[in-house]
Amino acid sequence: MKNKRTLLSCLIILLTGVIYFAVKAQQKNGTHRANFSGEWKSKESISMGGNIVCSYVEGDRMLSKTMKIAQQADFLTIEVPNPSPGAAPVTRTEKLTFDGKASEIDGGQGSGKKFTVKLSADGQTMTVNSIVHFPVAQKQESVNVTEVWTLSNDGKTISVQANAKATLFGDERSWTTLFDKAR
């Protein structure tokens, strides 16, 4: 009876040690997840870098040269100011959820955007796949856009590698837009 208790105690201590060291090893080897939070500015908008229409409405983040990003565990929000000169100071907010499920924004009058967002396994890049749709000459047109967002190691620059293909002309373009951290 005493041998069984001793053996059981040793197994519990051994199992506790194995679990403890496995957790500690995973914490050391775990990757640091990029945090895109902050205020960001660019010389040109994401859409204009490729010289292809990637937006569904005037206040879309694809047309903005400035963004304010707040990141949470499962999503981030992007706020952009209204770009129209003399327009009321309205801020447009877009929520990007990292679950890979499709989200949709209705821009009205036949325009809008359907998109998915995925954070890479290492937490260093975010991929946004969008289908932007808008009416042109009483016909529905669309642009498929893939954006790969990467935060620099020092956290001061976001690189957005974009690839877009338009149905209107079958045109495909790729470009990179850099955003510098303002705050």
N, C-alpha and C. Protein backbone atom coordinates (compact mmCIF):
# COMPACT_ATOMS: atom_id res chain seq x y z
N MET A 1 0.82 -1.19 0.00
CA MET A 1 0.00 0.00 0.00
C MET A 1 0.86 1.24 0.00
N LYS A 2 1.94 1.21 0.81
CA LYS A 2 2.82 2.37 0.89
C LYS A 2 3.54 2.59 -0.44
N ASN A 3 3.91 1.51 -1.14
CA ASN A 3 4.58 1.64 -2.43
C ASN A 3 3.67 2.28 -3.48
N LYS A 4 2.39 1.97 -3.45
CA LYS A 4 1.44 2.55 -4.40
C LYS A 4 1.31 4.05 -4.17
N ARG A 5 1.24 4.47 -2.90
CA ARG A 5 1.15 5.90 -2.59
C ARG A 5 2.41 6.62 -3.02
N THR A 6 3.56 6.03 -2.75
CA THR A 6 4.83 6.65 -3.15
C THR A 6 4.90 6.76 -4.67
N LEU A 7 4.53 5.70 -5.35
CA LEU A 7 4.55 5.72 -6.82
C LEU A 7 3.57 6.77 -7.37
N LEU A 8 2.37 6.84 -6.82
CA LEU A 8 1.39 7.83 -7.25
C LEU A 8 1.89 9.25 -6.99
N SER A 9 2.50 9.50 -5.85
CA SER A 9 3.05 10.82 -5.53
C SER A 9 4.15 11.20 -6.51
N CYS A 10 5.02 10.25 -6.81
CA CYS A 10 6.11 10.52 -7.76
C CYS A 10 5.57 10.83 -9.16
N LEU A 11 4.54 10.09 -9.56
CA LEU A 11 3.95 10.34 -10.88
C LEU A 11 3.29 11.72 -10.94
N ILE A 12 2.63 12.12 -9.89
CA ILE A 12 2.00 13.44 -9.85
C ILE A 12 3.06 14.53 -9.93
N ILE A 13 4.13 14.39 -9.15
CA ILE A 13 5.22 15.38 -9.18
C ILE A 13 5.87 15.41 -10.56
N LEU A 14 6.12 14.25 -11.13
CA LEU A 14 6.74 14.18 -12.46
C LEU A 14 5.83 14.82 -13.52
N LEU A 15 4.55 14.50 -13.48
CA LEU A 15 3.59 15.06 -14.43
C LEU A 15 3.49 16.58 -14.28
N THR A 16 3.46 17.06 -13.05
CA THR A 16 3.43 18.51 -12.80
C THR A 16 4.68 19.18 -13.37
N GLY A 17 5.83 18.57 -13.18
CA GLY A 17 7.08 19.11 -13.72
C GLY A 17 7.08 19.16 -15.23
N VAL A 18 6.61 18.10 -15.87
CA VAL A 18 6.57 18.05 -17.33
C VAL A 18 5.66 19.14 -17.87
N ILE A 19 4.49 19.31 -17.29
CA ILE A 19 3.56 20.35 -17.72
C ILE A 19 4.15 21.73 -17.51
N TYR A 20 4.77 21.95 -16.35
CA TYR A 20 5.37 23.25 -16.04
C TYR A 20 6.45 23.61 -17.07
N PHE A 21 7.36 22.68 -17.34
CA PHE A 21 8.44 22.98 -18.28
C PHE A 21 7.95 23.12 -19.71
N ALA A 22 6.90 22.39 -20.08
CA ALA A 22 6.33 22.53 -21.43
C ALA A 22 5.73 23.91 -21.60
N VAL A 23 5.01 24.38 -20.59
CA VAL A 23 4.41 25.72 -20.66
C VAL A 23 5.50 26.78 -20.71
N LYS A 24 6.53 26.66 -19.88
CA LYS A 24 7.63 27.64 -19.86
C LYS A 24 8.37 27.66 -21.20
N ALA A 25 8.61 26.51 -21.78
CA ALA A 25 9.32 26.44 -23.07
C ALA A 25 8.49 27.09 -24.16
N GLN A 26 7.20 26.90 -24.13
CA GLN A 26 6.33 27.49 -25.15
C GLN A 26 6.30 29.00 -25.00
N GLN A 27 6.34 29.52 -23.80
CA GLN A 27 6.35 30.96 -23.59
C GLN A 27 7.62 31.58 -24.13
N LYS A 28 8.75 30.92 -23.95
CA LYS A 28 10.02 31.45 -24.45
C LYS A 28 10.09 31.42 -25.96
N ASN A 29 9.58 30.33 -26.55
CA ASN A 29 9.66 30.17 -28.00
C ASN A 29 8.48 30.80 -28.72
N GLY A 30 7.48 31.27 -28.00
CA GLY A 30 6.31 31.90 -28.63
C GLY A 30 6.71 33.17 -29.36
N THR A 31 6.00 33.46 -30.43
CA THR A 31 6.31 34.65 -31.20
C THR A 31 5.55 35.85 -30.65
N HIS A 32 6.12 36.99 -30.84
CA HIS A 32 5.49 38.24 -30.43
C HIS A 32 4.49 38.62 -31.51
N ARG A 33 3.27 38.86 -31.13
CA ARG A 33 2.23 39.23 -32.08
C ARG A 33 2.34 40.72 -32.39
N ALA A 34 2.32 41.04 -33.67
CA ALA A 34 2.39 42.44 -34.10
C ALA A 34 1.18 43.20 -33.58
N ASN A 35 1.40 44.45 -33.19
CA ASN A 35 0.30 45.30 -32.73
C ASN A 35 0.26 46.51 -33.65
N PHE A 36 -0.78 46.59 -34.47
CA PHE A 36 -0.90 47.65 -35.47
C PHE A 36 -1.49 48.94 -34.89
N SER A 37 -1.76 48.98 -33.58
CA SER A 37 -2.39 50.15 -32.96
C SER A 37 -1.55 51.40 -33.14
N GLY A 38 -2.24 52.53 -33.29
CA GLY A 38 -1.57 53.83 -33.39
C GLY A 38 -2.18 54.69 -34.48
N GLU A 39 -1.60 55.87 -34.65
CA GLU A 39 -2.00 56.76 -35.73
C GLU A 39 -0.94 56.67 -36.81
N TRP A 40 -1.38 56.50 -38.05
CA TRP A 40 -0.49 56.23 -39.17
C TRP A 40 -0.75 57.21 -40.31
N LYS A 41 0.35 57.61 -40.99
CA LYS A 41 0.25 58.53 -42.14
C LYS A 41 1.08 57.98 -43.30
N SER A 42 0.59 58.28 -44.51
CA SER A 42 1.27 57.85 -45.72
C SER A 42 1.29 59.00 -46.72
N LYS A 43 2.18 58.92 -47.69
CA LYS A 43 2.23 59.95 -48.74
C LYS A 43 1.07 59.77 -49.72
N GLU A 44 0.58 58.53 -49.85
CA GLU A 44 -0.54 58.26 -50.74
C GLU A 44 -1.42 57.18 -50.12
N SER A 45 -2.65 57.12 -50.57
CA SER A 45 -3.56 56.11 -50.04
C SER A 45 -3.21 54.74 -50.61
N ILE A 46 -3.75 53.71 -49.98
CA ILE A 46 -3.51 52.35 -50.47
C ILE A 46 -4.03 52.20 -51.89
N SER A 47 -5.22 52.69 -52.16
CA SER A 47 -5.84 52.56 -53.47
C SER A 47 -5.05 53.27 -54.56
N MET A 48 -4.52 54.43 -54.28
CA MET A 48 -3.86 55.21 -55.32
C MET A 48 -2.49 54.66 -55.69
N GLY A 49 -1.88 53.86 -54.82
CA GLY A 49 -0.58 53.29 -55.13
C GLY A 49 -0.60 52.42 -56.37
N GLY A 50 -1.70 51.72 -56.59
CA GLY A 50 -1.82 50.84 -57.75
C GLY A 50 -2.55 51.48 -58.90
N ASN A 51 -3.03 52.72 -58.69
CA ASN A 51 -3.76 53.45 -59.72
C ASN A 51 -4.91 52.61 -60.27
N ILE A 52 -5.65 51.99 -59.35
CA ILE A 52 -6.80 51.18 -59.72
C ILE A 52 -7.88 51.44 -58.66
N VAL A 53 -9.12 51.50 -59.05
CA VAL A 53 -10.19 51.82 -58.11
C VAL A 53 -10.43 50.62 -57.19
N CYS A 54 -10.14 50.80 -55.90
CA CYS A 54 -10.31 49.73 -54.91
C CYS A 54 -11.26 50.14 -53.80
N SER A 55 -11.99 51.22 -54.00
CA SER A 55 -12.87 51.70 -52.94
C SER A 55 -14.30 51.71 -53.42
N TYR A 56 -15.21 51.62 -52.48
CA TYR A 56 -16.63 51.56 -52.82
C TYR A 56 -17.36 52.84 -52.47
N VAL A 57 -16.73 53.72 -51.69
CA VAL A 57 -17.35 54.97 -51.27
C VAL A 57 -16.22 55.96 -50.93
N GLU A 58 -16.51 57.23 -50.98
CA GLU A 58 -15.49 58.26 -50.79
C GLU A 58 -14.73 58.15 -49.47
N GLY A 59 -15.37 57.79 -48.38
CA GLY A 59 -14.71 57.72 -47.08
C GLY A 59 -14.06 56.39 -46.75
N ASP A 60 -13.90 55.51 -47.74
CA ASP A 60 -13.31 54.18 -47.54
C ASP A 60 -11.85 54.32 -47.10
N ARG A 61 -11.39 53.40 -46.24
CA ARG A 61 -10.01 53.45 -45.75
C ARG A 61 -8.98 53.30 -46.87
N MET A 62 -9.38 52.68 -47.98
CA MET A 62 -8.46 52.50 -49.11
C MET A 62 -8.08 53.84 -49.74
N LEU A 63 -8.86 54.89 -49.52
CA LEU A 63 -8.57 56.20 -50.09
C LEU A 63 -7.89 57.14 -49.09
N SER A 64 -7.74 56.72 -47.85
CA SER A 64 -7.22 57.62 -46.82
C SER A 64 -5.69 57.58 -46.72
N LYS A 65 -5.12 58.74 -46.46
CA LYS A 65 -3.68 58.83 -46.22
C LYS A 65 -3.36 58.76 -44.73
N THR A 66 -4.40 58.78 -43.90
CA THR A 66 -4.21 58.68 -42.45
C THR A 66 -5.18 57.64 -41.90
N MET A 67 -4.73 56.94 -40.87
CA MET A 67 -5.55 55.93 -40.21
C MET A 67 -5.25 55.95 -38.72
N LYS A 68 -6.27 55.71 -37.94
CA LYS A 68 -6.10 55.51 -36.51
C LYS A 68 -6.57 54.08 -36.24
N ILE A 69 -5.64 53.24 -35.78
CA ILE A 69 -5.93 51.82 -35.59
C ILE A 69 -5.91 51.49 -34.10
N ALA A 70 -6.92 50.76 -33.66
CA ALA A 70 -6.98 50.24 -32.29
C ALA A 70 -7.12 48.73 -32.40
N GLN A 71 -6.12 48.00 -31.89
CA GLN A 71 -6.13 46.54 -32.01
C GLN A 71 -6.52 45.90 -30.69
N GLN A 72 -7.38 44.90 -30.79
CA GLN A 72 -7.80 44.08 -29.66
C GLN A 72 -7.30 42.66 -29.93
N ALA A 73 -7.64 41.72 -29.08
CA ALA A 73 -7.18 40.34 -29.25
C ALA A 73 -7.69 39.70 -30.53
N ASP A 74 -8.96 39.90 -30.87
CA ASP A 74 -9.57 39.20 -32.01
C ASP A 74 -9.91 40.09 -33.19
N PHE A 75 -9.66 41.38 -33.10
CA PHE A 75 -10.03 42.29 -34.18
C PHE A 75 -9.26 43.60 -34.03
N LEU A 76 -9.37 44.42 -35.07
CA LEU A 76 -8.88 45.79 -34.97
C LEU A 76 -9.89 46.70 -35.65
N THR A 77 -9.90 47.95 -35.22
CA THR A 77 -10.76 48.95 -35.87
C THR A 77 -9.86 49.99 -36.52
N ILE A 78 -10.28 50.44 -37.67
CA ILE A 78 -9.55 51.48 -38.40
C ILE A 78 -10.49 52.65 -38.57
N GLU A 79 -10.07 53.80 -38.08
CA GLU A 79 -10.84 55.04 -38.24
C GLU A 79 -10.12 55.91 -39.25
N VAL A 80 -10.88 56.46 -40.19
CA VAL A 80 -10.31 57.38 -41.17
C VAL A 80 -11.18 58.63 -41.23
N PRO A 81 -10.54 59.80 -41.38
CA PRO A 81 -11.33 61.03 -41.48
C PRO A 81 -11.94 61.17 -42.87
N ASN A 82 -13.01 61.95 -42.97
CA ASN A 82 -13.62 62.23 -44.26
C ASN A 82 -12.63 63.05 -45.09
N PRO A 83 -12.25 62.57 -46.29
CA PRO A 83 -11.23 63.24 -47.09
C PRO A 83 -11.72 64.45 -47.87
N SER A 84 -13.02 64.67 -47.92
CA SER A 84 -13.56 65.76 -48.75
C SER A 84 -13.24 67.12 -48.13
N PRO A 85 -12.65 68.03 -48.93
CA PRO A 85 -12.39 69.37 -48.41
C PRO A 85 -13.70 70.09 -48.14
N GLY A 86 -13.76 70.72 -47.01
CA GLY A 86 -14.95 71.48 -46.64
C GLY A 86 -16.10 70.63 -46.12
N ALA A 87 -15.91 69.30 -46.06
CA ALA A 87 -16.97 68.42 -45.58
C ALA A 87 -16.97 68.41 -44.05
N ALA A 88 -18.08 68.00 -43.51
CA ALA A 88 -18.19 67.89 -42.05
C ALA A 88 -17.15 66.88 -41.55
N PRO A 89 -16.59 67.13 -40.37
CA PRO A 89 -15.56 66.23 -39.83
C PRO A 89 -16.16 64.90 -39.36
N VAL A 90 -16.46 64.02 -40.30
CA VAL A 90 -17.04 62.72 -39.99
C VAL A 90 -15.92 61.68 -40.08
N THR A 91 -15.89 60.79 -39.12
CA THR A 91 -14.90 59.72 -39.12
C THR A 91 -15.60 58.43 -39.50
N ARG A 92 -15.00 57.68 -40.41
CA ARG A 92 -15.54 56.39 -40.84
C ARG A 92 -14.74 55.30 -40.14
N THR A 93 -15.43 54.29 -39.59
CA THR A 93 -14.78 53.21 -38.87
C THR A 93 -15.05 51.88 -39.55
N GLU A 94 -13.99 51.09 -39.68
CA GLU A 94 -14.11 49.75 -40.25
C GLU A 94 -13.54 48.76 -39.24
N LYS A 95 -14.27 47.69 -38.97
CA LYS A 95 -13.83 46.67 -38.02
C LYS A 95 -13.34 45.45 -38.80
N LEU A 96 -12.09 45.06 -38.57
CA LEU A 96 -11.50 43.90 -39.22
C LEU A 96 -11.34 42.80 -38.16
N THR A 97 -12.11 41.72 -38.30
CA THR A 97 -12.10 40.62 -37.35
C THR A 97 -11.20 39.51 -37.87
N PHE A 98 -10.30 38.99 -37.02
CA PHE A 98 -9.29 38.01 -37.43
C PHE A 98 -9.80 36.58 -37.58
N ASP A 99 -11.10 36.36 -37.57
CA ASP A 99 -11.63 35.00 -37.58
C ASP A 99 -11.72 34.37 -38.98
N GLY A 100 -11.44 35.14 -40.02
CA GLY A 100 -11.50 34.60 -41.38
C GLY A 100 -12.91 34.52 -41.94
N LYS A 101 -13.91 34.92 -41.16
CA LYS A 101 -15.30 34.89 -41.64
C LYS A 101 -15.59 36.16 -42.44
N ALA A 102 -16.45 36.04 -43.43
CA ALA A 102 -16.77 37.16 -44.31
C ALA A 102 -17.58 38.23 -43.59
N SER A 103 -17.20 39.48 -43.82
CA SER A 103 -17.94 40.65 -43.35
C SER A 103 -18.34 41.44 -44.58
N GLU A 104 -19.39 42.23 -44.44
CA GLU A 104 -19.85 43.00 -45.59
C GLU A 104 -20.23 44.41 -45.16
N ILE A 105 -19.90 45.37 -46.03
CA ILE A 105 -20.27 46.76 -45.82
C ILE A 105 -21.09 47.20 -47.03
N ASP A 106 -22.28 47.71 -46.78
CA ASP A 106 -23.14 48.20 -47.86
C ASP A 106 -22.92 49.70 -47.99
N GLY A 107 -22.39 50.12 -49.13
CA GLY A 107 -22.14 51.53 -49.38
C GLY A 107 -23.33 52.25 -49.98
N GLY A 108 -24.40 51.52 -50.27
CA GLY A 108 -25.59 52.13 -50.87
C GLY A 108 -25.43 52.28 -52.37
N GLN A 109 -26.52 52.40 -53.06
CA GLN A 109 -26.56 52.61 -54.51
C GLN A 109 -25.75 51.57 -55.28
N GLY A 110 -25.81 50.32 -54.83
CA GLY A 110 -25.13 49.23 -55.55
C GLY A 110 -23.65 49.11 -55.27
N SER A 111 -23.13 49.84 -54.30
CA SER A 111 -21.71 49.74 -53.99
C SER A 111 -21.52 49.14 -52.60
N GLY A 112 -20.38 48.54 -52.38
CA GLY A 112 -20.07 47.95 -51.09
C GLY A 112 -18.82 47.11 -51.15
N LYS A 113 -18.60 46.38 -50.06
CA LYS A 113 -17.40 45.57 -49.97
C LYS A 113 -17.69 44.35 -49.11
N LYS A 114 -17.18 43.20 -49.56
CA LYS A 114 -17.24 41.96 -48.79
C LYS A 114 -15.78 41.57 -48.55
N PHE A 115 -15.43 41.21 -47.30
CA PHE A 115 -14.03 40.95 -47.01
C PHE A 115 -13.85 39.93 -45.90
N THR A 116 -12.65 39.32 -45.90
CA THR A 116 -12.22 38.44 -44.82
C THR A 116 -10.85 38.91 -44.35
N VAL A 117 -10.54 38.63 -43.09
CA VAL A 117 -9.25 39.04 -42.52
C VAL A 117 -8.66 37.85 -41.78
N LYS A 118 -7.39 37.60 -41.99
CA LYS A 118 -6.70 36.49 -41.34
C LYS A 118 -5.37 37.00 -40.81
N LEU A 119 -5.07 36.67 -39.56
CA LEU A 119 -3.77 36.96 -38.96
C LEU A 119 -2.90 35.73 -39.18
N SER A 120 -1.64 35.92 -39.57
CA SER A 120 -0.77 34.78 -39.83
C SER A 120 -0.52 33.99 -38.54
N ALA A 121 -0.09 32.75 -38.69
CA ALA A 121 0.15 31.89 -37.53
C ALA A 121 1.20 32.49 -36.59
N ASP A 122 2.18 33.20 -37.16
CA ASP A 122 3.21 33.80 -36.30
C ASP A 122 2.80 35.17 -35.77
N GLY A 123 1.63 35.67 -36.18
CA GLY A 123 1.12 36.94 -35.66
C GLY A 123 1.80 38.18 -36.22
N GLN A 124 2.60 38.03 -37.27
CA GLN A 124 3.37 39.16 -37.79
C GLN A 124 2.73 39.84 -39.00
N THR A 125 1.83 39.15 -39.69
CA THR A 125 1.18 39.76 -40.85
C THR A 125 -0.33 39.54 -40.80
N MET A 126 -1.04 40.44 -41.45
CA MET A 126 -2.48 40.37 -41.54
C MET A 126 -2.83 40.42 -43.03
N THR A 127 -3.69 39.51 -43.47
CA THR A 127 -4.11 39.49 -44.87
C THR A 127 -5.59 39.82 -44.96
N VAL A 128 -5.91 40.81 -45.78
CA VAL A 128 -7.29 41.24 -46.00
C VAL A 128 -7.63 40.93 -47.46
N ASN A 129 -8.63 40.07 -47.67
CA ASN A 129 -9.12 39.75 -49.01
C ASN A 129 -10.48 40.40 -49.18
N SER A 130 -10.59 41.26 -50.18
CA SER A 130 -11.83 42.01 -50.39
C SER A 130 -12.35 41.87 -51.81
N ILE A 131 -13.66 41.96 -51.93
CA ILE A 131 -14.31 42.12 -53.23
C ILE A 131 -15.08 43.43 -53.12
N VAL A 132 -14.62 44.43 -53.86
CA VAL A 132 -15.25 45.74 -53.86
C VAL A 132 -16.17 45.78 -55.08
N HIS A 133 -17.42 46.14 -54.86
CA HIS A 133 -18.35 46.20 -55.99
C HIS A 133 -18.99 47.58 -56.06
N PHE A 134 -19.21 48.02 -57.31
CA PHE A 134 -19.75 49.35 -57.56
C PHE A 134 -20.37 49.38 -58.96
N PRO A 135 -21.39 50.24 -59.15
CA PRO A 135 -22.04 50.32 -60.46
C PRO A 135 -21.24 51.22 -61.41
N VAL A 136 -21.12 50.77 -62.66
CA VAL A 136 -20.50 51.57 -63.72
C VAL A 136 -21.38 51.42 -64.95
N ALA A 137 -21.92 52.55 -65.42
CA ALA A 137 -22.78 52.55 -66.61
C ALA A 137 -23.87 51.49 -66.50
N GLN A 138 -24.58 51.48 -65.40
CA GLN A 138 -25.70 50.58 -65.13
C GLN A 138 -25.32 49.10 -65.18
N LYS A 139 -24.06 48.82 -64.87
CA LYS A 139 -23.57 47.45 -64.80
C LYS A 139 -22.79 47.31 -63.49
N GLN A 140 -22.88 46.16 -62.84
CA GLN A 140 -22.16 45.92 -61.60
C GLN A 140 -20.73 45.48 -61.91
N GLU A 141 -19.76 46.22 -61.45
CA GLU A 141 -18.35 45.89 -61.63
C GLU A 141 -17.74 45.56 -60.27
N SER A 142 -16.60 44.88 -60.29
CA SER A 142 -15.95 44.55 -59.02
C SER A 142 -14.43 44.53 -59.18
N VAL A 143 -13.78 44.65 -58.03
CA VAL A 143 -12.33 44.57 -57.96
C VAL A 143 -12.01 43.60 -56.82
N ASN A 144 -11.21 42.60 -57.11
CA ASN A 144 -10.72 41.68 -56.07
C ASN A 144 -9.40 42.23 -55.56
N VAL A 145 -9.31 42.44 -54.25
CA VAL A 145 -8.12 43.05 -53.66
C VAL A 145 -7.59 42.16 -52.55
N THR A 146 -6.28 41.92 -52.58
CA THR A 146 -5.60 41.23 -51.48
C THR A 146 -4.57 42.19 -50.92
N GLU A 147 -4.67 42.45 -49.60
CA GLU A 147 -3.70 43.30 -48.92
C GLU A 147 -2.97 42.46 -47.88
N VAL A 148 -1.65 42.54 -47.87
CA VAL A 148 -0.86 41.88 -46.83
C VAL A 148 -0.19 42.98 -46.03
N TRP A 149 -0.62 43.12 -44.77
CA TRP A 149 -0.11 44.15 -43.87
C TRP A 149 1.01 43.55 -43.03
N THR A 150 2.16 44.23 -42.99
CA THR A 150 3.28 43.79 -42.18
C THR A 150 3.79 44.97 -41.37
N LEU A 151 3.92 44.76 -40.06
CA LEU A 151 4.47 45.78 -39.17
C LEU A 151 5.97 45.59 -39.10
N SER A 152 6.74 46.68 -39.24
CA SER A 152 8.19 46.59 -39.16
C SER A 152 8.62 46.14 -37.77
N ASN A 153 9.84 45.62 -37.67
CA ASN A 153 10.35 45.13 -36.38
C ASN A 153 10.38 46.21 -35.31
N ASP A 154 10.65 47.46 -35.71
CA ASP A 154 10.70 48.55 -34.73
C ASP A 154 9.32 49.14 -34.44
N GLY A 155 8.27 48.66 -35.15
CA GLY A 155 6.90 49.10 -34.90
C GLY A 155 6.59 50.50 -35.41
N LYS A 156 7.44 51.04 -36.29
CA LYS A 156 7.25 52.41 -36.76
C LYS A 156 6.70 52.51 -38.17
N THR A 157 6.58 51.39 -38.88
CA THR A 157 6.11 51.41 -40.26
C THR A 157 5.20 50.21 -40.53
N ILE A 158 4.11 50.47 -41.22
CA ILE A 158 3.27 49.39 -41.73
C ILE A 158 3.44 49.37 -43.25
N SER A 159 3.77 48.21 -43.76
CA SER A 159 3.88 48.00 -45.20
C SER A 159 2.62 47.25 -45.64
N VAL A 160 1.91 47.82 -46.62
CA VAL A 160 0.72 47.17 -47.16
C VAL A 160 1.02 46.78 -48.60
N GLN A 161 1.23 45.48 -48.82
CA GLN A 161 1.46 44.95 -50.16
C GLN A 161 0.09 44.60 -50.73
N ALA A 162 -0.31 45.29 -51.80
CA ALA A 162 -1.64 45.10 -52.36
C ALA A 162 -1.56 44.52 -53.76
N ASN A 163 -2.57 43.71 -54.08
CA ASN A 163 -2.72 43.16 -55.42
C ASN A 163 -4.21 43.27 -55.75
N ALA A 164 -4.52 43.87 -56.89
CA ALA A 164 -5.92 44.08 -57.26
C ALA A 164 -6.15 43.65 -58.70
N LYS A 165 -7.33 43.05 -58.92
CA LYS A 165 -7.73 42.67 -60.27
C LYS A 165 -9.14 43.18 -60.49
N ALA A 166 -9.30 44.01 -61.53
CA ALA A 166 -10.59 44.62 -61.85
C ALA A 166 -11.30 43.83 -62.94
N THR A 167 -12.62 43.67 -62.79
CA THR A 167 -13.39 42.97 -63.82
C THR A 167 -13.65 43.85 -65.03
N LEU A 168 -13.65 45.17 -64.83
CA LEU A 168 -13.98 46.10 -65.90
C LEU A 168 -13.06 45.95 -67.11
N PHE A 169 -11.76 45.94 -66.88
CA PHE A 169 -10.79 45.83 -67.98
C PHE A 169 -9.95 44.57 -67.87
N GLY A 170 -10.17 43.77 -66.82
CA GLY A 170 -9.32 42.60 -66.61
C GLY A 170 -7.92 43.01 -66.18
N ASP A 171 -7.80 44.23 -65.70
CA ASP A 171 -6.53 44.80 -65.30
C ASP A 171 -6.09 44.25 -63.95
N GLU A 172 -4.81 43.92 -63.81
CA GLU A 172 -4.27 43.45 -62.53
C GLU A 172 -3.02 44.26 -62.19
N ARG A 173 -2.96 44.72 -60.94
CA ARG A 173 -1.83 45.53 -60.50
C ARG A 173 -1.39 45.11 -59.11
N SER A 174 -0.10 45.31 -58.82
CA SER A 174 0.47 45.07 -57.49
C SER A 174 1.28 46.29 -57.10
N TRP A 175 1.25 46.64 -55.82
CA TRP A 175 1.99 47.80 -55.33
C TRP A 175 2.15 47.71 -53.82
N THR A 176 2.99 48.56 -53.27
CA THR A 176 3.22 48.62 -51.83
C THR A 176 3.00 50.05 -51.35
N THR A 177 2.29 50.19 -50.25
CA THR A 177 2.07 51.49 -49.62
C THR A 177 2.66 51.43 -48.21
N LEU A 178 3.44 52.44 -47.85
CA LEU A 178 4.04 52.51 -46.52
C LEU A 178 3.35 53.56 -45.66
N PHE A 179 3.00 53.17 -44.44
CA PHE A 179 2.44 54.09 -43.46
C PHE A 179 3.45 54.24 -42.33
N ASP A 180 3.76 55.49 -41.98
CA ASP A 180 4.66 55.77 -40.86
C ASP A 180 3.85 56.10 -39.64
N LYS A 181 4.32 55.68 -38.48
CA LYS A 181 3.62 55.93 -37.23
C LYS A 181 3.72 57.42 -36.89
N ALA A 182 2.58 58.06 -36.69
CA ALA A 182 2.53 59.46 -36.33
C ALA A 182 2.49 59.61 -34.81
N ARG A 183 1.81 58.66 -34.15
CA ARG A 183 1.72 58.64 -32.67
C ARG A 183 1.59 57.23 -32.20
